[in-house]
Amino acid sequence: MRDEYIREARLVIDDPYILVNVVSRRVKQLRRGSRPLVESLEKLLPEDIALREIIEGKISYELTGVPPVPTSGPARLRAV
């Protein structure tokens, strides 16, 4: 992976854990035959293609199954 692509993608997705998951999922799709959403004159690795897609706003992510964080009042933990 190219360092400059990682730096630029971190400006779009600032959480490194989410960035790794988004790139990983997209790389799997590319390796299974999905077409890249960006054009390049040079041969890029699937990881670099995924990063470029993030940088150019071609792919995004949505968090699901995450409980909302309270915005006001004291934080409370609930036993499950």
C-alpha atoms as a PDB file:
ATOM      1  CA  MET A   1       0.000   0.000   0.000  1.00  0.00           C
ATOM      2  CA  ARG A   2       1.138   3.475  -0.742  1.00  0.00           C
ATOM      3  CA  ASP A   3       1.713   5.708   2.252  1.00  0.00           C
ATOM      4  CA  GLU A   4       0.304   8.803   0.554  1.00  0.00           C
ATOM      5  CA  TYR A   5      -2.971   6.963  -0.144  1.00  0.00           C
ATOM      6  CA  ILE A   6      -3.217   5.917   3.496  1.00  0.00           C
ATOM      7  CA  ARG A   7      -2.629   9.496   4.687  1.00  0.00           C
ATOM      8  CA  GLU A   8      -5.257  10.870   2.322  1.00  0.00           C
ATOM      9  CA  ALA A   9      -7.786   8.156   3.225  1.00  0.00           C
ATOM     10  CA  ARG A  10      -7.281   8.936   6.929  1.00  0.00           C
ATOM     11  CA  LEU A  11      -8.575  12.443   6.188  1.00  0.00           C
ATOM     12  CA  VAL A  12     -11.829  10.874   4.975  1.00  0.00           C
ATOM     13  CA  ILE A  13     -12.140   8.074   7.570  1.00  0.00           C
ATOM     14  CA  ASP A  14     -10.246   9.204  10.640  1.00  0.00           C
ATOM     15  CA  ASP A  15     -10.759   6.053  12.733  1.00  0.00           C
ATOM     16  CA  PRO A  16      -7.978   3.631  11.695  1.00  0.00           C
ATOM     17  CA  TYR A  17     -10.001   0.557  12.734  1.00  0.00           C
ATOM     18  CA  ILE A  18     -12.933   1.535  10.535  1.00  0.00           C
ATOM     19  CA  LEU A  19     -10.571   2.391   7.672  1.00  0.00           C
ATOM     20  CA  VAL A  20      -8.949  -1.056   7.861  1.00  0.00           C
ATOM     21  CA  ASN A  21     -12.358  -2.760   7.845  1.00  0.00           C
ATOM     22  CA  VAL A  22     -13.656  -0.722   4.902  1.00  0.00           C
ATOM     23  CA  VAL A  23     -10.496  -1.339   2.872  1.00  0.00           C
ATOM     24  CA  SER A  24     -10.476  -5.044   3.758  1.00  0.00           C
ATOM     25  CA  ARG A  25     -14.073  -5.551   2.717  1.00  0.00           C
ATOM     26  CA  ARG A  26     -13.566  -3.683  -0.565  1.00  0.00           C
ATOM     27  CA  VAL A  27     -10.354  -5.611  -1.354  1.00  0.00           C
ATOM     28  CA  LYS A  28     -12.285  -8.876  -0.966  1.00  0.00           C
ATOM     29  CA  GLN A  29     -14.907  -7.588  -3.407  1.00  0.00           C
ATOM     30  CA  LEU A  30     -12.237  -6.538  -5.919  1.00  0.00           C
ATOM     31  CA  ARG A  31     -10.465  -9.892  -5.694  1.00  0.00           C
ATOM     32  CA  ARG A  32     -13.768 -11.678  -6.339  1.00  0.00           C
ATOM     33  CA  GLY A  33     -14.208  -9.772  -9.582  1.00  0.00           C
ATOM     34  CA  SER A  34     -15.918  -6.478  -8.765  1.00  0.00           C
ATOM     35  CA  ARG A  35     -14.874  -3.674 -11.064  1.00  0.00           C
ATOM     36  CA  PRO A  36     -12.908  -0.740  -9.643  1.00  0.00           C
ATOM     37  CA  LEU A  37     -14.847   2.509  -9.244  1.00  0.00           C
ATOM     38  CA  VAL A  38     -11.777   4.594 -10.118  1.00  0.00           C
ATOM     39  CA  GLU A  39      -9.649   4.681 -13.239  1.00  0.00           C
ATOM     40  CA  SER A  40      -5.888   4.522 -13.226  1.00  0.00           C
ATOM     41  CA  LEU A  41      -3.251   4.656 -15.914  1.00  0.00           C
ATOM     42  CA  GLU A  42      -0.987   2.428 -13.857  1.00  0.00           C
ATOM     43  CA  LYS A  43      -1.488  -1.049 -12.421  1.00  0.00           C
ATOM     44  CA  LEU A  44      -2.576  -0.713  -8.794  1.00  0.00           C
ATOM     45  CA  LEU A  45      -2.907  -3.318  -6.076  1.00  0.00           C
ATOM     46  CA  PRO A  46      -6.462  -3.966  -4.838  1.00  0.00           C
ATOM     47  CA  GLU A  47      -5.544  -2.246  -1.547  1.00  0.00           C
ATOM     48  CA  ASP A  48      -4.494   0.907  -3.397  1.00  0.00           C
ATOM     49  CA  ILE A  49      -7.644   0.844  -5.511  1.00  0.00           C
ATOM     50  CA  ALA A  50      -9.794   0.619  -2.371  1.00  0.00           C
ATOM     51  CA  LEU A  51      -7.928   3.530  -0.784  1.00  0.00           C
ATOM     52  CA  ARG A  52      -8.326   5.645  -3.936  1.00  0.00           C
ATOM     53  CA  GLU A  53     -12.039   4.855  -3.979  1.00  0.00           C
ATOM     54  CA  ILE A  54     -12.309   6.122  -0.408  1.00  0.00           C
ATOM     55  CA  ILE A  55     -10.260   9.237  -1.171  1.00  0.00           C
ATOM     56  CA  GLU A  56     -12.397  10.080  -4.199  1.00  0.00           C
ATOM     57  CA  GLY A  57     -15.641   9.511  -2.291  1.00  0.00           C
ATOM     58  CA  LYS A  58     -16.718   6.533  -4.385  1.00  0.00           C
ATOM     59  CA  ILE A  59     -17.314   4.300  -1.357  1.00  0.00           C
ATOM     60  CA  SER A  60     -18.344   5.071   2.180  1.00  0.00           C
ATOM     61  CA  TYR A  61     -19.448   3.174   5.269  1.00  0.00           C
ATOM     62  CA  GLU A  62     -22.322   3.053   7.698  1.00  0.00           C
ATOM     63  CA  LEU A  63     -22.103   1.889  11.283  1.00  0.00           C
ATOM     64  CA  THR A  64     -24.863  -0.552  12.163  1.00  0.00           C
ATOM     65  CA  GLY A  65     -25.701  -2.293  15.390  1.00  0.00           C
ATOM     66  CA  VAL A  66     -23.903   0.326  17.456  1.00  0.00           C
ATOM     67  CA  PRO A  67     -25.928   1.743  20.348  1.00  0.00           C
ATOM     68  CA  PRO A  68     -26.226   5.535  20.247  1.00  0.00           C
ATOM     69  CA  VAL A  69     -24.013   7.507  22.581  1.00  0.00           C
ATOM     70  CA  PRO A  70     -25.984   9.712  24.991  1.00  0.00           C
ATOM     71  CA  THR A  71     -25.508  13.385  24.139  1.00  0.00           C
ATOM     72  CA  SER A  72     -26.693  14.872  27.405  1.00  0.00           C
ATOM     73  CA  GLY A  73     -26.887  13.894  31.028  1.00  0.00           C
ATOM     74  CA  PRO A  74     -24.622  11.578  32.969  1.00  0.00           C
ATOM     75  CA  ALA A  75     -23.365   8.457  31.264  1.00  0.00           C
ATOM     76  CA  ARG A  76     -24.921   5.278  32.594  1.00  0.00           C
ATOM     77  CA  LEU A  77     -23.897   1.693  32.073  1.00  0.00           C
ATOM     78  CA  ARG A  78     -26.534  -0.976  32.012  1.00  0.00           C
ATOM     79  CA  ALA A  79     -25.918  -4.575  33.004  1.00  0.00           C
ATOM     80  CA  VAL A  80     -26.932  -7.042  30.352  1.00  0.00           C
END
